[in-house]
Amino acid sequence: MKKRLTVIGMPLDYGQMRRGVDMGPSAIRYAGVIERLEKLQYEIEDDGDVVIDRSEANQVSNDKLRHAEVIVRANEQLANKVDQIVKEGSFPLILGGDHSIAIGTLAGIAKHYKNLGVIWFDAHGDLNTVDTTPSGNIHGMSLAASLGFGATSLTNLGGYQPKIRPENVVIIGARDFDEGEKRLIQEQNIKVYTMHEIDRLGMTKVIEETIHYLKERTDGVHLSLDLDGLDPLDAPGVGTPVLGGISYRESHLAMEMLAESELITSAEFVEVNPILDEKNKTAEVAVALMGSLLGEKLL
């Protein structure tokens, strides 16, 4: 019997200030994601895109929580869709959109697991709260909100909190933390592999340790992959690029090892911005990484 996989597009770009990432799902589909995954013998349903209410597009009611109302409503829709997909026994694959969509994704998934693990593949921690944010951009708060830290409108999305526990999170590829994020990481003892650790240990060791760490304590693992985790040379079409990132080949190795582990139970790929991209290069990278994560091999 074919494995079941459901694709959802989340064209949300209000979590940050650079327009264009709302076109990420379209760019990823244009790069051939459905066709590529069909070759891996998946039974695929493309559930289309969540409809975003843009009637309040120019209203920013709170400089510390920019566009919070729009983001919460959109993420509630996403959470309901993801919840239904998991109930139906299908693998949820969400296409972003900015990283604020993880709030909805995790709200829909976490209720189905007692100890959901999360691999946060990202240049940033996304661990700011309304009290620590330097920008008010909610895409920088999504992991904190899912851990139960921050504004109630974000932390309690879906009617419960927290979605995940600090000891069940592994951040990979980080190289740009704000001061408040550093404090939260230290206070909550969150496991982080910065680029220093990746350079020093190598990606093989990082993923081996991550798999061992999460396999012992979780009953499912969600991969939240921000394309800015990769070096901008390999993934230029992102809103917040940071030099010195994970290479294209290192990223594939990570996905291939996670596929072999059979640890991943859901995934999202976010922050593809075709306006900032070069000939859809970043969307094509995202599709290639999805292929590796879901079982594509060189031989």
C-alpha atoms as a PDB file:
ATOM      1  CA  MET A   1       0.000   0.000   0.000  1.00  0.00           C
ATOM      2  CA  LYS A   2       1.303   3.450  -0.865  1.00  0.00           C
ATOM      3  CA  LYS A   3       2.275   5.810   1.917  1.00  0.00           C
ATOM      4  CA  ARG A   4      -0.142   8.745   2.249  1.00  0.00           C
ATOM      5  CA  LEU A   5       1.031  12.360   2.156  1.00  0.00           C
ATOM      6  CA  THR A   6      -1.015  15.555   2.156  1.00  0.00           C
ATOM      7  CA  VAL A   7       0.407  18.870   0.944  1.00  0.00           C
ATOM      8  CA  ILE A   8      -0.907  22.204   2.236  1.00  0.00           C
ATOM      9  CA  GLY A   9       0.222  25.624   1.080  1.00  0.00           C
ATOM     10  CA  MET A  10       0.305  28.415   3.667  1.00  0.00           C
ATOM     11  CA  PRO A  11       0.830  31.698   1.738  1.00  0.00           C
ATOM     12  CA  LEU A  12       1.294  33.874   4.814  1.00  0.00           C
ATOM     13  CA  ASP A  13       3.750  36.774   4.741  1.00  0.00           C
ATOM     14  CA  TYR A  14       2.599  38.935   7.671  1.00  0.00           C
ATOM     15  CA  GLY A  15       5.048  37.418  10.148  1.00  0.00           C
ATOM     16  CA  GLN A  16       7.848  39.613   8.787  1.00  0.00           C
ATOM     17  CA  MET A  17       8.304  42.831   6.805  1.00  0.00           C
ATOM     18  CA  ARG A  18       9.637  41.700   3.409  1.00  0.00           C
ATOM     19  CA  ARG A  19       6.798  40.914   1.031  1.00  0.00           C
ATOM     20  CA  GLY A  20       6.885  37.996  -1.357  1.00  0.00           C
ATOM     21  CA  VAL A  21       7.145  34.925   0.841  1.00  0.00           C
ATOM     22  CA  ASP A  22       3.391  34.440   0.385  1.00  0.00           C
ATOM     23  CA  MET A  23       4.298  33.212  -3.097  1.00  0.00           C
ATOM     24  CA  GLY A  24       6.504  30.483  -1.637  1.00  0.00           C
ATOM     25  CA  PRO A  25       3.934  27.665  -1.959  1.00  0.00           C
ATOM     26  CA  SER A  26       3.357  28.516  -5.621  1.00  0.00           C
ATOM     27  CA  ALA A  27       7.100  28.623  -6.296  1.00  0.00           C
ATOM     28  CA  ILE A  28       7.586  25.238  -4.632  1.00  0.00           C
ATOM     29  CA  ARG A  29       4.746  23.692  -6.628  1.00  0.00           C
ATOM     30  CA  TYR A  30       6.167  25.250  -9.814  1.00  0.00           C
ATOM     31  CA  ALA A  31       9.507  23.617  -8.957  1.00  0.00           C
ATOM     32  CA  GLY A  32       7.786  20.230  -9.246  1.00  0.00           C
ATOM     33  CA  VAL A  33       7.252  19.065  -5.686  1.00  0.00           C
ATOM     34  CA  ILE A  34       4.169  16.948  -6.441  1.00  0.00           C
ATOM     35  CA  GLU A  35       5.738  15.217  -9.422  1.00  0.00           C
ATOM     36  CA  ARG A  36       8.967  14.541  -7.522  1.00  0.00           C
ATOM     37  CA  LEU A  37       7.233  12.966  -4.548  1.00  0.00           C
ATOM     38  CA  GLU A  38       4.912  10.899  -6.724  1.00  0.00           C
ATOM     39  CA  LYS A  39       8.013   9.139  -8.058  1.00  0.00           C
ATOM     40  CA  LEU A  40       8.704   8.001  -4.479  1.00  0.00           C
ATOM     41  CA  GLN A  41       5.488   5.970  -4.481  1.00  0.00           C
ATOM     42  CA  TYR A  42       3.466   8.269  -2.252  1.00  0.00           C
ATOM     43  CA  GLU A  43      -0.275   8.589  -2.521  1.00  0.00           C
ATOM     44  CA  ILE A  44      -0.424  12.382  -2.604  1.00  0.00           C
ATOM     45  CA  GLU A  45      -3.290  14.744  -1.985  1.00  0.00           C
ATOM     46  CA  ASP A  46      -2.651  18.415  -2.663  1.00  0.00           C
ATOM     47  CA  ASP A  47      -5.101  20.199  -0.366  1.00  0.00           C
ATOM     48  CA  GLY A  48      -4.409  23.584  -1.952  1.00  0.00           C
ATOM     49  CA  ASP A  49      -3.665  26.739   0.024  1.00  0.00           C
ATOM     50  CA  VAL A  50      -5.089  28.141   3.229  1.00  0.00           C
ATOM     51  CA  VAL A  51      -7.024  31.312   2.336  1.00  0.00           C
ATOM     52  CA  ILE A  52      -5.473  34.351   4.024  1.00  0.00           C
ATOM     53  CA  ASP A  53      -7.704  37.288   4.969  1.00  0.00           C
ATOM     54  CA  ARG A  54      -5.885  40.328   3.579  1.00  0.00           C
ATOM     55  CA  SER A  55      -8.552  42.896   4.462  1.00  0.00           C
ATOM     56  CA  GLU A  56      -6.388  44.230   7.293  1.00  0.00           C
ATOM     57  CA  ALA A  57      -3.151  44.129   5.327  1.00  0.00           C
ATOM     58  CA  ASN A  58      -2.134  47.698   6.124  1.00  0.00           C
ATOM     59  CA  GLN A  59      -3.145  47.657   9.781  1.00  0.00           C
ATOM     60  CA  VAL A  60      -0.508  46.995  12.416  1.00  0.00           C
ATOM     61  CA  SER A  61      -2.349  47.214  15.728  1.00  0.00           C
ATOM     62  CA  ASN A  62       0.653  46.434  17.942  1.00  0.00           C
ATOM     63  CA  ASP A  63       4.287  47.207  17.120  1.00  0.00           C
ATOM     64  CA  LYS A  64       5.383  44.364  19.414  1.00  0.00           C
ATOM     65  CA  LEU A  65       3.040  41.851  17.724  1.00  0.00           C
ATOM     66  CA  ARG A  66       2.802  42.960  14.131  1.00  0.00           C
ATOM     67  CA  HIS A  67      -0.321  41.715  12.298  1.00  0.00           C
ATOM     68  CA  ALA A  68      -1.159  39.392  15.198  1.00  0.00           C
ATOM     69  CA  GLU A  69      -4.890  39.172  14.409  1.00  0.00           C
ATOM     70  CA  VAL A  70      -4.354  38.113  10.783  1.00  0.00           C
ATOM     71  CA  ILE A  71      -1.626  35.645  11.747  1.00  0.00           C
ATOM     72  CA  VAL A  72      -3.704  34.043  14.505  1.00  0.00           C
ATOM     73  CA  ARG A  73      -6.753  33.599  12.255  1.00  0.00           C
ATOM     74  CA  ALA A  74      -4.679  32.088   9.464  1.00  0.00           C
ATOM     75  CA  ASN A  75      -2.857  29.749  11.837  1.00  0.00           C
ATOM     76  CA  GLU A  76      -6.145  28.581  13.365  1.00  0.00           C
ATOM     77  CA  GLN A  77      -7.218  27.502   9.878  1.00  0.00           C
ATOM     78  CA  LEU A  78      -3.911  25.732   9.323  1.00  0.00           C
ATOM     79  CA  ALA A  79      -4.111  23.987  12.703  1.00  0.00           C
ATOM     80  CA  ASN A  80      -7.573  22.626  11.875  1.00  0.00           C
ATOM     81  CA  LYS A  81      -6.410  21.321   8.498  1.00  0.00           C
ATOM     82  CA  VAL A  82      -3.280  19.697   9.922  1.00  0.00           C
ATOM     83  CA  ASP A  83      -5.294  18.159  12.762  1.00  0.00           C
ATOM     84  CA  GLN A  84      -7.595  16.516  10.220  1.00  0.00           C
ATOM     85  CA  ILE A  85      -4.692  15.234   8.113  1.00  0.00           C
ATOM     86  CA  VAL A  86      -3.085  13.543  11.119  1.00  0.00           C
ATOM     87  CA  LYS A  87      -6.446  12.028  12.113  1.00  0.00           C
ATOM     88  CA  GLU A  88      -6.701  10.534   8.623  1.00  0.00           C
ATOM     89  CA  GLY A  89      -3.296   8.886   8.995  1.00  0.00           C
ATOM     90  CA  SER A  90      -1.560  10.989   6.347  1.00  0.00           C
ATOM     91  CA  PHE A  91       1.854  12.680   6.562  1.00  0.00           C
ATOM     92  CA  PRO A  92       1.390  16.495   6.667  1.00  0.00           C
ATOM     93  CA  LEU A  93       3.765  18.465   4.414  1.00  0.00           C
ATOM     94  CA  ILE A  94       3.268  22.217   4.757  1.00  0.00           C
ATOM     95  CA  LEU A  95       4.699  24.738   2.302  1.00  0.00           C
ATOM     96  CA  GLY A  96       5.375  28.263   3.603  1.00  0.00           C
ATOM     97  CA  GLY A  97       4.971  31.140   3.913  1.00  0.00           C
ATOM     98  CA  ASP A  98       7.012  32.739   6.672  1.00  0.00           C
ATOM     99  CA  HIS A  99       8.001  30.842   9.803  1.00  0.00           C
ATOM    100  CA  SER A 100       5.077  32.144  11.867  1.00  0.00           C
ATOM    101  CA  ILE A 101       3.102  29.317  10.241  1.00  0.00           C
ATOM    102  CA  ALA A 102       4.826  26.853  12.593  1.00  0.00           C
ATOM    103  CA  ILE A 103       2.494  28.083  15.338  1.00  0.00           C
ATOM    104  CA  GLY A 104      -0.471  26.645  13.442  1.00  0.00           C
ATOM    105  CA  THR A 105       1.338  23.552  12.228  1.00  0.00           C
ATOM    106  CA  LEU A 106       2.401  22.524  15.726  1.00  0.00           C
ATOM    107  CA  ALA A 107      -1.011  23.364  17.198  1.00  0.00           C
ATOM    108  CA  GLY A 108      -2.567  20.892  14.767  1.00  0.00           C
ATOM    109  CA  ILE A 109       0.034  18.149  15.223  1.00  0.00           C
ATOM    110  CA  ALA A 110       1.006  18.204  18.898  1.00  0.00           C
ATOM    111  CA  LYS A 111      -2.404  17.176  20.245  1.00  0.00           C
ATOM    112  CA  HIS A 112      -1.838  13.762  18.655  1.00  0.00           C
ATOM    113  CA  TYR A 113       1.403  13.061  20.547  1.00  0.00           C
ATOM    114  CA  LYS A 114       2.323  12.862  24.208  1.00  0.00           C
ATOM    115  CA  ASN A 115       5.926  13.914  23.563  1.00  0.00           C
ATOM    116  CA  LEU A 116       6.278  15.522  20.160  1.00  0.00           C
ATOM    117  CA  GLY A 117       9.859  16.286  19.186  1.00  0.00           C
ATOM    118  CA  VAL A 118      10.862  19.162  16.926  1.00  0.00           C
ATOM    119  CA  ILE A 119      13.936  19.647  14.763  1.00  0.00           C
ATOM    120  CA  TRP A 120      14.242  23.380  14.058  1.00  0.00           C
ATOM    121  CA  PHE A 121      16.544  23.701  11.025  1.00  0.00           C
ATOM    122  CA  ASP A 122      17.151  27.441  10.930  1.00  0.00           C
ATOM    123  CA  ALA A 123      19.700  30.256  11.038  1.00  0.00           C
ATOM    124  CA  HIS A 124      17.612  31.772  13.835  1.00  0.00           C
ATOM    125  CA  GLY A 125      16.095  30.551  17.080  1.00  0.00           C
ATOM    126  CA  ASP A 126      12.648  32.132  16.613  1.00  0.00           C
ATOM    127  CA  LEU A 127      12.573  32.249  20.404  1.00  0.00           C
ATOM    128  CA  ASN A 128      11.629  35.874  20.939  1.00  0.00           C
ATOM    129  CA  THR A 129       8.545  36.929  22.878  1.00  0.00           C
ATOM    130  CA  VAL A 130       6.571  40.151  23.018  1.00  0.00           C
ATOM    131  CA  ASP A 131       8.943  41.241  25.797  1.00  0.00           C
ATOM    132  CA  THR A 132      12.207  40.514  23.973  1.00  0.00           C
ATOM    133  CA  THR A 133      11.462  41.055  20.282  1.00  0.00           C
ATOM    134  CA  PRO A 134      13.525  43.809  18.626  1.00  0.00           C
ATOM    135  CA  SER A 135      11.177  43.968  15.620  1.00  0.00           C
ATOM    136  CA  GLY A 136       7.689  42.786  16.565  1.00  0.00           C
ATOM    137  CA  ASN A 137       7.846  40.234  13.735  1.00  0.00           C
ATOM    138  CA  ILE A 138       5.990  37.082  14.749  1.00  0.00           C
ATOM    139  CA  HIS A 139       8.054  34.790  12.523  1.00  0.00           C
ATOM    140  CA  GLY A 140      10.754  35.317  15.143  1.00  0.00           C
ATOM    141  CA  MET A 141       8.438  34.107  17.933  1.00  0.00           C
ATOM    142  CA  SER A 142       7.030  30.859  16.570  1.00  0.00           C
ATOM    143  CA  LEU A 143       9.201  28.396  18.492  1.00  0.00           C
ATOM    144  CA  ALA A 144       8.847  30.372  21.730  1.00  0.00           C
ATOM    145  CA  ALA A 145       5.056  30.477  21.317  1.00  0.00           C
ATOM    146  CA  SER A 146       4.909  26.728  20.693  1.00  0.00           C
ATOM    147  CA  LEU A 147       6.899  26.215  23.912  1.00  0.00           C
ATOM    148  CA  GLY A 148       4.352  28.345  25.782  1.00  0.00           C
ATOM    149  CA  PHE A 149       6.338  31.585  26.039  1.00  0.00           C
ATOM    150  CA  GLY A 150       4.907  34.904  24.867  1.00  0.00           C
ATOM    151  CA  ALA A 151       1.535  36.456  24.121  1.00  0.00           C
ATOM    152  CA  THR A 152      -1.487  34.322  25.021  1.00  0.00           C
ATOM    153  CA  SER A 153      -3.007  34.808  21.561  1.00  0.00           C
ATOM    154  CA  LEU A 154      -0.022  32.908  20.142  1.00  0.00           C
ATOM    155  CA  THR A 155       0.753  30.420  22.913  1.00  0.00           C
ATOM    156  CA  ASN A 156      -2.861  29.282  23.356  1.00  0.00           C
ATOM    157  CA  LEU A 157      -3.684  28.868  19.673  1.00  0.00           C
ATOM    158  CA  GLY A 158      -5.749  25.699  19.327  1.00  0.00           C
ATOM    159  CA  GLY A 159      -6.942  26.010  22.923  1.00  0.00           C
ATOM    160  CA  TYR A 160      -3.987  24.437  24.704  1.00  0.00           C
ATOM    161  CA  GLN A 161      -0.384  25.089  25.654  1.00  0.00           C
ATOM    162  CA  PRO A 162       2.439  24.288  25.474  1.00  0.00           C
ATOM    163  CA  LYS A 163       2.576  22.295  22.247  1.00  0.00           C
ATOM    164  CA  ILE A 164       6.098  21.025  22.870  1.00  0.00           C
ATOM    165  CA  ARG A 165       8.584  20.786  25.728  1.00  0.00           C
ATOM    166  CA  PRO A 166      12.024  22.425  25.703  1.00  0.00           C
ATOM    167  CA  GLU A 167      13.775  19.085  26.227  1.00  0.00           C
ATOM    168  CA  ASN A 168      12.163  17.746  23.024  1.00  0.00           C
ATOM    169  CA  VAL A 169      13.578  20.467  20.747  1.00  0.00           C
ATOM    170  CA  VAL A 170      16.793  20.438  18.728  1.00  0.00           C
ATOM    171  CA  ILE A 171      17.850  23.582  16.829  1.00  0.00           C
ATOM    172  CA  ILE A 172      20.285  22.964  13.942  1.00  0.00           C
ATOM    173  CA  GLY A 173      22.210  25.563  11.926  1.00  0.00           C
ATOM    174  CA  ALA A 174      21.705  28.598  14.157  1.00  0.00           C
ATOM    175  CA  ARG A 175      24.067  31.531  13.793  1.00  0.00           C
ATOM    176  CA  ASP A 176      21.993  34.606  14.703  1.00  0.00           C
ATOM    177  CA  PHE A 177      20.400  34.865  18.172  1.00  0.00           C
ATOM    178  CA  ASP A 178      18.996  37.917  19.913  1.00  0.00           C
ATOM    179  CA  GLU A 179      19.918  38.424  23.572  1.00  0.00           C
ATOM    180  CA  GLY A 180      16.491  37.384  24.839  1.00  0.00           C
ATOM    181  CA  GLU A 181      16.701  34.186  22.812  1.00  0.00           C
ATOM    182  CA  LYS A 182      20.082  33.327  24.300  1.00  0.00           C
ATOM    183  CA  ARG A 183      18.651  33.729  27.807  1.00  0.00           C
ATOM    184  CA  LEU A 184      15.671  31.500  27.026  1.00  0.00           C
ATOM    185  CA  ILE A 185      17.912  28.797  25.554  1.00  0.00           C
ATOM    186  CA  GLN A 186      20.072  28.810  28.671  1.00  0.00           C
ATOM    187  CA  GLU A 187      17.132  28.942  31.101  1.00  0.00           C
ATOM    188  CA  GLN A 188      15.281  26.101  29.378  1.00  0.00           C
ATOM    189  CA  ASN A 189      18.394  24.115  28.458  1.00  0.00           C
ATOM    190  CA  ILE A 190      17.339  23.791  24.809  1.00  0.00           C
ATOM    191  CA  LYS A 191      19.639  21.635  22.697  1.00  0.00           C
ATOM    192  CA  VAL A 192      21.292  23.728  19.972  1.00  0.00           C
ATOM    193  CA  TYR A 193      23.805  22.873  17.256  1.00  0.00           C
ATOM    194  CA  THR A 194      25.095  26.207  16.015  1.00  0.00           C
ATOM    195  CA  MET A 195      27.278  26.473  12.932  1.00  0.00           C
ATOM    196  CA  HIS A 196      30.235  26.214  15.312  1.00  0.00           C
ATOM    197  CA  GLU A 197      29.165  22.686  16.304  1.00  0.00           C
ATOM    198  CA  ILE A 198      28.404  21.726  12.699  1.00  0.00           C
ATOM    199  CA  ASP A 199      31.844  22.927  11.589  1.00  0.00           C
ATOM    200  CA  ARG A 200      33.547  21.228  14.493  1.00  0.00           C
ATOM    201  CA  LEU A 201      31.652  17.912  14.633  1.00  0.00           C
ATOM    202  CA  GLY A 202      30.455  17.568  11.053  1.00  0.00           C
ATOM    203  CA  MET A 203      26.849  17.137   9.951  1.00  0.00           C
ATOM    204  CA  THR A 204      26.997  13.342  10.260  1.00  0.00           C
ATOM    205  CA  LYS A 205      27.748  13.532  13.990  1.00  0.00           C
ATOM    206  CA  VAL A 206      25.182  16.289  14.547  1.00  0.00           C
ATOM    207  CA  ILE A 207      22.365  14.271  12.983  1.00  0.00           C
ATOM    208  CA  GLU A 208      23.447  11.028  14.670  1.00  0.00           C
ATOM    209  CA  GLU A 209      23.318  12.776  18.043  1.00  0.00           C
ATOM    210  CA  THR A 210      19.996  14.427  17.204  1.00  0.00           C
ATOM    211  CA  ILE A 211      18.396  11.115  16.215  1.00  0.00           C
ATOM    212  CA  HIS A 212      19.704   9.405  19.359  1.00  0.00           C
ATOM    213  CA  TYR A 213      18.559  12.289  21.564  1.00  0.00           C
ATOM    214  CA  LEU A 214      15.011  12.481  20.165  1.00  0.00           C
ATOM    215  CA  LYS A 215      14.417   8.760  19.663  1.00  0.00           C
ATOM    216  CA  GLU A 216      14.787   8.201  23.407  1.00  0.00           C
ATOM    217  CA  ARG A 217      12.213  10.755  24.500  1.00  0.00           C
ATOM    218  CA  THR A 218       9.626  11.376  21.746  1.00  0.00           C
ATOM    219  CA  ASP A 219       6.746   9.537  20.067  1.00  0.00           C
ATOM    220  CA  GLY A 220       6.869  11.632  16.883  1.00  0.00           C
ATOM    221  CA  VAL A 221       9.165  14.289  15.401  1.00  0.00           C
ATOM    222  CA  HIS A 222       8.229  17.344  13.349  1.00  0.00           C
ATOM    223  CA  LEU A 223      10.828  18.909  11.038  1.00  0.00           C
ATOM    224  CA  SER A 224      10.501  22.673  10.678  1.00  0.00           C
ATOM    225  CA  LEU A 225      12.971  23.680   7.973  1.00  0.00           C
ATOM    226  CA  ASP A 226      13.612  27.341   7.247  1.00  0.00           C
ATOM    227  CA  LEU A 227      15.505  27.753   3.974  1.00  0.00           C
ATOM    228  CA  ASP A 228      17.651  30.454   5.572  1.00  0.00           C
ATOM    229  CA  GLY A 229      19.286  27.638   7.536  1.00  0.00           C
ATOM    230  CA  LEU A 230      21.227  27.041   4.345  1.00  0.00           C
ATOM    231  CA  ASP A 231      23.993  29.365   3.220  1.00  0.00           C
ATOM    232  CA  PRO A 232      22.667  32.242   1.062  1.00  0.00           C
ATOM    233  CA  LEU A 233      24.894  31.055  -1.798  1.00  0.00           C
ATOM    234  CA  ASP A 234      22.746  27.916  -2.005  1.00  0.00           C
ATOM    235  CA  ALA A 235      19.409  29.437  -0.973  1.00  0.00           C
ATOM    236  CA  PRO A 236      19.367  33.145  -1.898  1.00  0.00           C
ATOM    237  CA  GLY A 237      15.584  33.553  -1.966  1.00  0.00           C
ATOM    238  CA  VAL A 238      14.948  34.123   1.744  1.00  0.00           C
ATOM    239  CA  GLY A 239      13.981  37.227   3.690  1.00  0.00           C
ATOM    240  CA  THR A 240      16.593  37.050   6.448  1.00  0.00           C
ATOM    241  CA  PRO A 241      19.780  35.534   4.977  1.00  0.00           C
ATOM    242  CA  VAL A 242      22.783  35.005   7.239  1.00  0.00           C
ATOM    243  CA  LEU A 243      26.224  34.243   5.839  1.00  0.00           C
ATOM    244  CA  GLY A 244      28.081  31.111   6.850  1.00  0.00           C
ATOM    245  CA  GLY A 245      25.211  28.650   6.740  1.00  0.00           C
ATOM    246  CA  ILE A 246      24.706  24.958   6.098  1.00  0.00           C
ATOM    247  CA  SER A 247      25.779  23.853   2.625  1.00  0.00           C
ATOM    248  CA  TYR A 248      23.512  22.283   0.026  1.00  0.00           C
ATOM    249  CA  ARG A 249      25.232  18.923   0.361  1.00  0.00           C
ATOM    250  CA  GLU A 250      25.255  19.008   4.188  1.00  0.00           C
ATOM    251  CA  SER A 251      21.522  19.706   4.094  1.00  0.00           C
ATOM    252  CA  HIS A 252      20.904  16.738   1.815  1.00  0.00           C
ATOM    253  CA  LEU A 253      22.972  14.521   4.089  1.00  0.00           C
ATOM    254  CA  ALA A 254      20.860  15.622   7.057  1.00  0.00           C
ATOM    255  CA  MET A 255      17.623  14.867   5.196  1.00  0.00           C
ATOM    256  CA  GLU A 256      18.914  11.500   3.974  1.00  0.00           C
ATOM    257  CA  MET A 257      19.914  10.469   7.485  1.00  0.00           C
ATOM    258  CA  LEU A 258      16.554  11.557   8.888  1.00  0.00           C
ATOM    259  CA  ALA A 259      14.829   9.517   6.163  1.00  0.00           C
ATOM    260  CA  GLU A 260      16.849   6.446   7.133  1.00  0.00           C
ATOM    261  CA  SER A 261      15.955   6.961  10.797  1.00  0.00           C
ATOM    262  CA  GLU A 262      12.206   6.920   9.998  1.00  0.00           C
ATOM    263  CA  LEU A 263      11.877   9.442  12.830  1.00  0.00           C
ATOM    264  CA  ILE A 264      10.047  12.254  11.020  1.00  0.00           C
ATOM    265  CA  THR A 265       6.242  12.214  11.214  1.00  0.00           C
ATOM    266  CA  SER A 266       5.484  15.659   9.721  1.00  0.00           C
ATOM    267  CA  ALA A 267       7.371  18.506   8.055  1.00  0.00           C
ATOM    268  CA  GLU A 268       7.171  22.088   6.882  1.00  0.00           C
ATOM    269  CA  PHE A 269       9.477  24.039   4.564  1.00  0.00           C
ATOM    270  CA  VAL A 270       9.267  27.800   4.996  1.00  0.00           C
ATOM    271  CA  GLU A 271      10.585  31.237   3.992  1.00  0.00           C
ATOM    272  CA  VAL A 272      10.971  30.650   0.237  1.00  0.00           C
ATOM    273  CA  ASN A 273      10.645  34.133  -1.277  1.00  0.00           C
ATOM    274  CA  PRO A 274      10.641  34.035  -5.097  1.00  0.00           C
ATOM    275  CA  ILE A 275      10.903  37.845  -5.346  1.00  0.00           C
ATOM    276  CA  LEU A 276      14.346  37.650  -3.730  1.00  0.00           C
ATOM    277  CA  ASP A 277      15.335  34.438  -5.505  1.00  0.00           C
ATOM    278  CA  GLU A 278      17.457  33.658  -8.564  1.00  0.00           C
ATOM    279  CA  LYS A 279      15.455  31.765 -11.227  1.00  0.00           C
ATOM    280  CA  ASN A 280      13.467  29.881  -8.545  1.00  0.00           C
ATOM    281  CA  LYS A 281      16.703  28.362  -7.203  1.00  0.00           C
ATOM    282  CA  THR A 282      15.593  28.311  -3.550  1.00  0.00           C
ATOM    283  CA  ALA A 283      12.273  26.645  -4.323  1.00  0.00           C
ATOM    284  CA  GLU A 284      14.137  23.992  -6.313  1.00  0.00           C
ATOM    285  CA  VAL A 285      16.471  23.440  -3.355  1.00  0.00           C
ATOM    286  CA  ALA A 286      13.449  23.062  -1.080  1.00  0.00           C
ATOM    287  CA  VAL A 287      11.935  20.447  -3.389  1.00  0.00           C
ATOM    288  CA  ALA A 288      15.217  18.538  -3.606  1.00  0.00           C
ATOM    289  CA  LEU A 289      15.485  18.468   0.194  1.00  0.00           C
ATOM    290  CA  MET A 290      11.893  17.255   0.483  1.00  0.00           C
ATOM    291  CA  GLY A 291      12.803  14.443  -1.863  1.00  0.00           C
ATOM    292  CA  SER A 292      15.741  13.400   0.310  1.00  0.00           C
ATOM    293  CA  LEU A 293      13.689  13.648   3.505  1.00  0.00           C
ATOM    294  CA  LEU A 294      10.970  11.446   2.050  1.00  0.00           C
ATOM    295  CA  GLY A 295      13.206   8.676   0.777  1.00  0.00           C
ATOM    296  CA  GLU A 296      14.804   9.751  -2.501  1.00  0.00           C
ATOM    297  CA  LYS A 297      18.258   8.200  -2.957  1.00  0.00           C
ATOM    298  CA  LEU A 298      21.097   8.677  -5.424  1.00  0.00           C
ATOM    299  CA  LEU A 299      21.229   4.928  -6.088  1.00  0.00           C
END
